Amino acid sequence: MKSNLSSVALLALTGLANAFTYERLDKNDSLLVILDMQEGLFSLARDFDHTTYRNAFYAHAALGKAFDLPVVMTSSSETGPNGPLPDEFLSWYPDAPLIKRQGEVNAWDNPEFREAVIAANKSQIIIGGITTDVCTTFLALSLREAGYSVWANHEASGTTSTNIREMANERMRAAGVQVVSYFAILCELMRDWRNTPGAPELFPVLDQYFPAYGMVARAHRAATQNGTVLPGEDVLP
């Protein structure tokens, strides 16, 4: 009897240990942070091909437009070699807070930036920046400590090597940061192709920033408008 009770208790404890709650991004409770994505710092992003990274860099910033998210932008010593944020970002979000830090490495150490994040009144923070191991990680850890849910766009942060990137991502994951892809973030925010924004609004975004899926849509359109089933295709299951 004692053995059976022990087994039941062990099973109950195991169940508690394995309990999991799937947290989903909510477009109504999310803030997009554009963090030190500066023209001078771009060359430090050597863990991705520069063409690939430039696309991811812009894709991250465009999430605010696609989902009408509040945006906070910040730069670090932009009058020096780090350079400014791209003009496109500034034109996309002319009314968004832009905090030009003059010394703080961790953006959370800047009172103006911290106040802008708090004022947005969102619990989920989507971030990406240069470099992954410093700017992104330091802010992500500080946000977690402050009680926020943090979603790090894996593709939108760049650093000097893949090894450094993976160590930084491991450090963030250990602190409970969700390290995810651009497509995962977009689909979490959308949830259903029938929502707004949904298919009509987001297929053009995907065609621009995630061409693999954009081409799926183009191929489907072409097949529907002009396609002919070839002999042999008609017998495929």
C-alpha atoms as a PDB file:
ATOM      1  CA  MET A   1       0.000   0.000   0.000  1.00  0.00           C
ATOM      2  CA  LYS A   2       2.789   2.347   0.952  1.00  0.00           C
ATOM      3  CA  SER A   3       4.524   1.578  -2.331  1.00  0.00           C
ATOM      4  CA  ASN A   4       1.378   2.346  -4.316  1.00  0.00           C
ATOM      5  CA  LEU A   5       0.936   5.691  -2.555  1.00  0.00           C
ATOM      6  CA  SER A   6       4.536   6.561  -3.303  1.00  0.00           C
ATOM      7  CA  SER A   7       4.008   5.731  -6.965  1.00  0.00           C
ATOM      8  CA  VAL A   8       0.895   7.924  -7.147  1.00  0.00           C
ATOM      9  CA  ALA A   9       2.756  10.818  -5.505  1.00  0.00           C
ATOM     10  CA  LEU A  10       5.662  10.410  -7.923  1.00  0.00           C
ATOM     11  CA  LEU A  11       3.315  10.438 -10.910  1.00  0.00           C
ATOM     12  CA  ALA A  12       1.612  13.579  -9.615  1.00  0.00           C
ATOM     13  CA  LEU A  13       4.945  15.351  -9.168  1.00  0.00           C
ATOM     14  CA  THR A  14       6.041  14.257 -12.637  1.00  0.00           C
ATOM     15  CA  GLY A  15       2.835  15.680 -14.081  1.00  0.00           C
ATOM     16  CA  LEU A  16       3.449  19.010 -12.394  1.00  0.00           C
ATOM     17  CA  ALA A  17       7.041  19.085 -13.616  1.00  0.00           C
ATOM     18  CA  ASN A  18       5.891  18.454 -17.192  1.00  0.00           C
ATOM     19  CA  ALA A  19       3.088  21.040 -17.122  1.00  0.00           C
ATOM     20  CA  PHE A  20       3.357  23.474 -20.022  1.00  0.00           C
ATOM     21  CA  THR A  21       1.403  26.536 -21.032  1.00  0.00           C
ATOM     22  CA  TYR A  22       1.723  27.633 -24.637  1.00  0.00           C
ATOM     23  CA  GLU A  23       2.124  31.399 -24.673  1.00  0.00           C
ATOM     24  CA  ARG A  24       1.053  32.991 -27.940  1.00  0.00           C
ATOM     25  CA  LEU A  25       1.926  36.401 -29.265  1.00  0.00           C
ATOM     26  CA  ASP A  26      -1.026  38.770 -29.127  1.00  0.00           C
ATOM     27  CA  LYS A  27      -0.968  41.663 -31.595  1.00  0.00           C
ATOM     28  CA  ASN A  28      -3.004  43.700 -29.113  1.00  0.00           C
ATOM     29  CA  ASP A  29      -0.455  43.205 -26.346  1.00  0.00           C
ATOM     30  CA  SER A  30       2.818  43.438 -28.290  1.00  0.00           C
ATOM     31  CA  LEU A  31       5.443  46.132 -28.676  1.00  0.00           C
ATOM     32  CA  LEU A  32       8.073  46.112 -31.439  1.00  0.00           C
ATOM     33  CA  VAL A  33      11.558  47.293 -30.486  1.00  0.00           C
ATOM     34  CA  ILE A  34      14.015  48.309 -33.219  1.00  0.00           C
ATOM     35  CA  LEU A  35      17.288  48.061 -31.346  1.00  0.00           C
ATOM     36  CA  ASP A  36      20.576  49.470 -32.610  1.00  0.00           C
ATOM     37  CA  MET A  37      19.857  48.387 -36.203  1.00  0.00           C
ATOM     38  CA  GLN A  38      22.304  51.031 -37.363  1.00  0.00           C
ATOM     39  CA  GLU A  39      23.965  51.434 -40.712  1.00  0.00           C
ATOM     40  CA  GLY A  40      27.460  51.476 -39.231  1.00  0.00           C
ATOM     41  CA  LEU A  41      26.844  48.427 -37.059  1.00  0.00           C
ATOM     42  CA  PHE A  42      25.480  46.406 -39.984  1.00  0.00           C
ATOM     43  CA  SER A  43      28.982  45.190 -40.906  1.00  0.00           C
ATOM     44  CA  LEU A  44      29.273  43.449 -37.522  1.00  0.00           C
ATOM     45  CA  ALA A  45      26.482  41.047 -38.520  1.00  0.00           C
ATOM     46  CA  ARG A  46      28.751  38.364 -39.970  1.00  0.00           C
ATOM     47  CA  ASP A  47      26.811  35.291 -38.875  1.00  0.00           C
ATOM     48  CA  PHE A  48      24.439  35.655 -41.821  1.00  0.00           C
ATOM     49  CA  ASP A  49      25.025  36.405 -45.476  1.00  0.00           C
ATOM     50  CA  HIS A  50      24.721  40.196 -45.747  1.00  0.00           C
ATOM     51  CA  THR A  51      21.989  40.058 -48.376  1.00  0.00           C
ATOM     52  CA  THR A  52      19.975  37.641 -46.248  1.00  0.00           C
ATOM     53  CA  TYR A  53      20.510  39.687 -43.124  1.00  0.00           C
ATOM     54  CA  ARG A  54      19.583  42.976 -44.768  1.00  0.00           C
ATOM     55  CA  ASN A  55      16.258  41.438 -45.772  1.00  0.00           C
ATOM     56  CA  ALA A  56      15.647  40.140 -42.230  1.00  0.00           C
ATOM     57  CA  PHE A  57      16.661  43.506 -40.788  1.00  0.00           C
ATOM     58  CA  TYR A  58      13.995  45.312 -42.812  1.00  0.00           C
ATOM     59  CA  ALA A  59      11.435  42.547 -42.324  1.00  0.00           C
ATOM     60  CA  HIS A  60      11.680  42.937 -38.560  1.00  0.00           C
ATOM     61  CA  ALA A  61      11.180  46.685 -38.718  1.00  0.00           C
ATOM     62  CA  ALA A  62       8.211  46.307 -41.081  1.00  0.00           C
ATOM     63  CA  LEU A  63       6.277  44.152 -38.583  1.00  0.00           C
ATOM     64  CA  GLY A  64       5.052  47.332 -36.943  1.00  0.00           C
ATOM     65  CA  LYS A  65       3.457  48.484 -40.193  1.00  0.00           C
ATOM     66  CA  ALA A  66       1.967  45.087 -40.998  1.00  0.00           C
ATOM     67  CA  PHE A  67       0.235  44.661 -37.637  1.00  0.00           C
ATOM     68  CA  ASP A  68      -0.138  48.281 -36.513  1.00  0.00           C
ATOM     69  CA  LEU A  69       2.059  47.597 -33.499  1.00  0.00           C
ATOM     70  CA  PRO A  70       3.417  50.320 -31.258  1.00  0.00           C
ATOM     71  CA  VAL A  71       7.128  50.803 -31.952  1.00  0.00           C
ATOM     72  CA  VAL A  72      10.046  52.042 -29.890  1.00  0.00           C
ATOM     73  CA  MET A  73      13.325  52.727 -31.691  1.00  0.00           C
ATOM     74  CA  THR A  74      16.723  53.290 -30.155  1.00  0.00           C
ATOM     75  CA  SER A  75      20.258  53.848 -31.371  1.00  0.00           C
ATOM     76  CA  SER A  76      23.647  53.875 -29.688  1.00  0.00           C
ATOM     77  CA  SER A  77      26.128  56.730 -30.250  1.00  0.00           C
ATOM     78  CA  GLU A  78      24.823  57.247 -33.757  1.00  0.00           C
ATOM     79  CA  THR A  79      26.955  60.320 -34.460  1.00  0.00           C
ATOM     80  CA  GLY A  80      30.055  58.104 -34.297  1.00  0.00           C
ATOM     81  CA  PRO A  81      30.986  55.027 -36.335  1.00  0.00           C
ATOM     82  CA  ASN A  82      27.771  53.198 -35.374  1.00  0.00           C
ATOM     83  CA  GLY A  83      25.841  55.467 -37.717  1.00  0.00           C
ATOM     84  CA  PRO A  84      22.092  56.190 -37.771  1.00  0.00           C
ATOM     85  CA  LEU A  85      19.064  53.973 -38.168  1.00  0.00           C
ATOM     86  CA  PRO A  86      18.011  53.612 -41.832  1.00  0.00           C
ATOM     87  CA  ASP A  87      15.877  56.481 -43.095  1.00  0.00           C
ATOM     88  CA  GLU A  88      13.143  54.022 -44.067  1.00  0.00           C
ATOM     89  CA  PHE A  89      12.557  53.107 -40.425  1.00  0.00           C
ATOM     90  CA  LEU A  90      12.236  56.760 -39.479  1.00  0.00           C
ATOM     91  CA  SER A  91       9.782  57.442 -42.307  1.00  0.00           C
ATOM     92  CA  TRP A  92       7.690  54.375 -41.403  1.00  0.00           C
ATOM     93  CA  TYR A  93       7.307  55.464 -37.788  1.00  0.00           C
ATOM     94  CA  PRO A  94       7.574  59.264 -37.624  1.00  0.00           C
ATOM     95  CA  ASP A  95       5.661  59.427 -34.342  1.00  0.00           C
ATOM     96  CA  ALA A  96       7.389  56.539 -32.577  1.00  0.00           C
ATOM     97  CA  PRO A  97       9.763  57.261 -29.703  1.00  0.00           C
ATOM     98  CA  LEU A  98      13.368  57.392 -30.930  1.00  0.00           C
ATOM     99  CA  ILE A  99      15.849  57.265 -28.086  1.00  0.00           C
ATOM    100  CA  LYS A 100      19.383  58.215 -29.102  1.00  0.00           C
ATOM    101  CA  ARG A 101      21.522  56.727 -26.355  1.00  0.00           C
ATOM    102  CA  GLN A 102      24.868  58.389 -25.831  1.00  0.00           C
ATOM    103  CA  GLY A 103      26.626  55.774 -23.723  1.00  0.00           C
ATOM    104  CA  GLU A 104      24.416  53.046 -22.285  1.00  0.00           C
ATOM    105  CA  VAL A 105      25.245  49.677 -23.822  1.00  0.00           C
ATOM    106  CA  ASN A 106      22.107  48.089 -22.374  1.00  0.00           C
ATOM    107  CA  ALA A 107      19.144  50.111 -23.636  1.00  0.00           C
ATOM    108  CA  TRP A 108      17.241  49.328 -20.419  1.00  0.00           C
ATOM    109  CA  ASP A 109      19.785  51.427 -18.502  1.00  0.00           C
ATOM    110  CA  ASN A 110      18.547  54.520 -20.354  1.00  0.00           C
ATOM    111  CA  PRO A 111      15.658  56.114 -18.417  1.00  0.00           C
ATOM    112  CA  GLU A 112      14.016  57.572 -21.536  1.00  0.00           C
ATOM    113  CA  PHE A 113      13.999  54.195 -23.292  1.00  0.00           C
ATOM    114  CA  ARG A 114      12.715  52.447 -20.181  1.00  0.00           C
ATOM    115  CA  GLU A 115       9.909  54.982 -19.815  1.00  0.00           C
ATOM    116  CA  ALA A 116       8.933  54.580 -23.490  1.00  0.00           C
ATOM    117  CA  VAL A 117       8.609  50.804 -23.088  1.00  0.00           C
ATOM    118  CA  ILE A 118       6.599  51.162 -19.883  1.00  0.00           C
ATOM    119  CA  ALA A 119       4.356  53.819 -21.454  1.00  0.00           C
ATOM    120  CA  ALA A 120       3.446  51.458 -24.312  1.00  0.00           C
ATOM    121  CA  ASN A 121       1.669  49.319 -21.693  1.00  0.00           C
ATOM    122  CA  LYS A 122       2.291  46.012 -23.494  1.00  0.00           C
ATOM    123  CA  SER A 123       3.449  42.803 -21.848  1.00  0.00           C
ATOM    124  CA  GLN A 124       5.041  41.132 -24.898  1.00  0.00           C
ATOM    125  CA  ILE A 125       8.158  42.718 -26.388  1.00  0.00           C
ATOM    126  CA  ILE A 126       9.461  41.705 -29.833  1.00  0.00           C
ATOM    127  CA  ILE A 127      13.117  42.609 -30.273  1.00  0.00           C
ATOM    128  CA  GLY A 128      15.927  42.356 -32.778  1.00  0.00           C
ATOM    129  CA  GLY A 129      19.209  44.216 -32.951  1.00  0.00           C
ATOM    130  CA  ILE A 130      22.951  44.387 -33.455  1.00  0.00           C
ATOM    131  CA  THR A 131      24.728  42.685 -31.841  1.00  0.00           C
ATOM    132  CA  THR A 132      22.926  39.543 -30.705  1.00  0.00           C
ATOM    133  CA  ASP A 133      25.233  38.809 -27.775  1.00  0.00           C
ATOM    134  CA  VAL A 134      25.345  42.375 -26.433  1.00  0.00           C
ATOM    135  CA  CYS A 135      22.515  44.724 -27.420  1.00  0.00           C
ATOM    136  CA  THR A 136      19.811  42.099 -27.918  1.00  0.00           C
ATOM    137  CA  THR A 137      20.795  39.784 -25.074  1.00  0.00           C
ATOM    138  CA  PHE A 138      21.392  42.500 -22.482  1.00  0.00           C
ATOM    139  CA  LEU A 139      18.017  44.101 -23.190  1.00  0.00           C
ATOM    140  CA  ALA A 140      16.213  40.750 -23.343  1.00  0.00           C
ATOM    141  CA  LEU A 141      17.550  39.720 -19.940  1.00  0.00           C
ATOM    142  CA  SER A 142      16.656  43.081 -18.408  1.00  0.00           C
ATOM    143  CA  LEU A 143      13.138  42.907 -19.829  1.00  0.00           C
ATOM    144  CA  ARG A 144      12.697  39.390 -18.444  1.00  0.00           C
ATOM    145  CA  GLU A 145      13.873  40.587 -15.043  1.00  0.00           C
ATOM    146  CA  ALA A 146      11.311  43.400 -15.250  1.00  0.00           C
ATOM    147  CA  GLY A 147       8.548  40.854 -15.856  1.00  0.00           C
ATOM    148  CA  TYR A 148       8.023  41.126 -19.603  1.00  0.00           C
ATOM    149  CA  SER A 149       7.501  38.308 -22.075  1.00  0.00           C
ATOM    150  CA  VAL A 150      10.328  38.674 -24.591  1.00  0.00           C
ATOM    151  CA  TRP A 151      10.378  37.415 -28.173  1.00  0.00           C
ATOM    152  CA  ALA A 152      13.778  37.653 -29.862  1.00  0.00           C
ATOM    153  CA  ASN A 153      13.639  37.588 -33.658  1.00  0.00           C
ATOM    154  CA  HIS A 154      16.452  35.143 -34.368  1.00  0.00           C
ATOM    155  CA  GLU A 155      16.973  36.337 -37.937  1.00  0.00           C
ATOM    156  CA  ALA A 156      16.863  40.054 -37.138  1.00  0.00           C
ATOM    157  CA  SER A 157      19.770  40.042 -34.692  1.00  0.00           C
ATOM    158  CA  GLY A 158      23.307  39.746 -36.014  1.00  0.00           C
ATOM    159  CA  THR A 159      26.751  39.312 -34.505  1.00  0.00           C
ATOM    160  CA  THR A 160      30.313  38.468 -35.425  1.00  0.00           C
ATOM    161  CA  SER A 161      30.079  34.668 -35.686  1.00  0.00           C
ATOM    162  CA  THR A 162      27.621  31.786 -35.603  1.00  0.00           C
ATOM    163  CA  ASN A 163      29.290  30.445 -32.468  1.00  0.00           C
ATOM    164  CA  ILE A 164      28.716  33.711 -30.602  1.00  0.00           C
ATOM    165  CA  ARG A 165      25.154  33.853 -31.895  1.00  0.00           C
ATOM    166  CA  GLU A 166      24.328  30.382 -30.589  1.00  0.00           C
ATOM    167  CA  MET A 167      25.846  31.086 -27.177  1.00  0.00           C
ATOM    168  CA  ALA A 168      23.807  34.285 -26.935  1.00  0.00           C
ATOM    169  CA  ASN A 169      20.617  32.495 -27.942  1.00  0.00           C
ATOM    170  CA  GLU A 170      21.248  29.796 -25.339  1.00  0.00           C
ATOM    171  CA  ARG A 171      21.730  32.465 -22.685  1.00  0.00           C
ATOM    172  CA  MET A 172      18.441  34.126 -23.625  1.00  0.00           C
ATOM    173  CA  ARG A 173      16.518  30.852 -23.745  1.00  0.00           C
ATOM    174  CA  ALA A 174      17.801  29.967 -20.278  1.00  0.00           C
ATOM    175  CA  ALA A 175      16.193  33.186 -19.033  1.00  0.00           C
ATOM    176  CA  GLY A 176      12.852  32.339 -20.647  1.00  0.00           C
ATOM    177  CA  VAL A 177      13.242  34.424 -23.798  1.00  0.00           C
ATOM    178  CA  GLN A 178      11.404  33.038 -26.829  1.00  0.00           C
ATOM    179  CA  VAL A 179      14.014  32.895 -29.616  1.00  0.00           C
ATOM    180  CA  VAL A 180      11.971  32.498 -32.782  1.00  0.00           C
ATOM    181  CA  SER A 181      11.974  33.114 -36.529  1.00  0.00           C
ATOM    182  CA  TYR A 182      10.451  36.014 -38.433  1.00  0.00           C
ATOM    183  CA  PHE A 183       7.832  33.718 -39.987  1.00  0.00           C
ATOM    184  CA  ALA A 184       6.915  32.341 -36.568  1.00  0.00           C
ATOM    185  CA  ILE A 185       6.416  35.874 -35.222  1.00  0.00           C
ATOM    186  CA  LEU A 186       4.302  36.879 -38.217  1.00  0.00           C
ATOM    187  CA  CYS A 187       2.125  33.768 -37.970  1.00  0.00           C
ATOM    188  CA  GLU A 188       1.750  34.087 -34.189  1.00  0.00           C
ATOM    189  CA  LEU A 189       0.562  37.680 -34.602  1.00  0.00           C
ATOM    190  CA  MET A 190      -1.784  36.782 -37.466  1.00  0.00           C
ATOM    191  CA  ARG A 191      -3.066  33.408 -36.100  1.00  0.00           C
ATOM    192  CA  ASP A 192      -5.645  32.928 -38.869  1.00  0.00           C
ATOM    193  CA  TRP A 193      -5.392  33.778 -42.575  1.00  0.00           C
ATOM    194  CA  ARG A 194      -9.000  35.031 -42.364  1.00  0.00           C
ATOM    195  CA  ASN A 195      -8.137  37.607 -39.713  1.00  0.00           C
ATOM    196  CA  THR A 196      -7.253  41.232 -40.378  1.00  0.00           C
ATOM    197  CA  PRO A 197      -4.430  41.556 -41.135  1.00  0.00           C
ATOM    198  CA  GLY A 198      -4.620  38.242 -42.926  1.00  0.00           C
ATOM    199  CA  ALA A 199      -4.104  36.900 -46.415  1.00  0.00           C
ATOM    200  CA  PRO A 200      -4.895  40.105 -48.388  1.00  0.00           C
ATOM    201  CA  GLU A 201      -2.594  42.254 -46.253  1.00  0.00           C
ATOM    202  CA  LEU A 202       0.182  39.786 -45.523  1.00  0.00           C
ATOM    203  CA  PHE A 203       0.810  37.969 -48.806  1.00  0.00           C
ATOM    204  CA  PRO A 204       2.436  41.147 -50.213  1.00  0.00           C
ATOM    205  CA  VAL A 205       4.538  41.439 -47.039  1.00  0.00           C
ATOM    206  CA  LEU A 206       5.628  37.817 -47.321  1.00  0.00           C
ATOM    207  CA  ASP A 207       6.367  38.243 -51.020  1.00  0.00           C
ATOM    208  CA  GLN A 208       8.741  41.087 -50.151  1.00  0.00           C
ATOM    209  CA  TYR A 209      10.418  39.734 -47.023  1.00  0.00           C
ATOM    210  CA  PHE A 210       9.838  35.959 -47.055  1.00  0.00           C
ATOM    211  CA  PRO A 211      10.012  35.115 -50.755  1.00  0.00           C
ATOM    212  CA  ALA A 212       9.901  31.350 -50.252  1.00  0.00           C
ATOM    213  CA  TYR A 213       6.290  31.706 -49.158  1.00  0.00           C
ATOM    214  CA  GLY A 214       5.632  34.560 -51.553  1.00  0.00           C
ATOM    215  CA  MET A 215       6.491  32.245 -54.417  1.00  0.00           C
ATOM    216  CA  VAL A 216       4.075  29.634 -53.063  1.00  0.00           C
ATOM    217  CA  ALA A 217       1.323  32.214 -53.425  1.00  0.00           C
ATOM    218  CA  ARG A 218       2.520  33.277 -56.876  1.00  0.00           C
ATOM    219  CA  ALA A 219       2.653  29.673 -58.071  1.00  0.00           C
ATOM    220  CA  HIS A 220      -0.855  29.025 -56.788  1.00  0.00           C
ATOM    221  CA  ARG A 221      -2.128  32.154 -58.529  1.00  0.00           C
ATOM    222  CA  ALA A 222      -0.473  31.159 -61.816  1.00  0.00           C
ATOM    223  CA  ALA A 223      -1.798  27.613 -61.606  1.00  0.00           C
ATOM    224  CA  THR A 224      -5.300  28.852 -60.902  1.00  0.00           C
ATOM    225  CA  GLN A 225      -5.318  31.497 -63.640  1.00  0.00           C
ATOM    226  CA  ASN A 226      -3.312  29.803 -66.384  1.00  0.00           C
ATOM    227  CA  GLY A 227      -2.480  26.310 -65.233  1.00  0.00           C
ATOM    228  CA  THR A 228      -3.026  23.110 -67.184  1.00  0.00           C
ATOM    229  CA  VAL A 229      -2.863  19.700 -65.543  1.00  0.00           C
ATOM    230  CA  LEU A 230      -0.250  17.678 -67.388  1.00  0.00           C
ATOM    231  CA  PRO A 231      -0.637  14.026 -68.249  1.00  0.00           C
ATOM    232  CA  GLY A 232       0.476  12.020 -65.254  1.00  0.00           C
ATOM    233  CA  GLU A 233      -0.325  14.792 -62.802  1.00  0.00           C
ATOM    234  CA  ASP A 234      -3.997  13.895 -62.990  1.00  0.00           C
ATOM    235  CA  VAL A 235      -3.367  10.463 -61.489  1.00  0.00           C
ATOM    236  CA  LEU A 236      -1.259  11.626 -58.570  1.00  0.00           C
ATOM    237  CA  PRO A 237      -2.909  11.041 -55.170  1.00  0.00           C
END
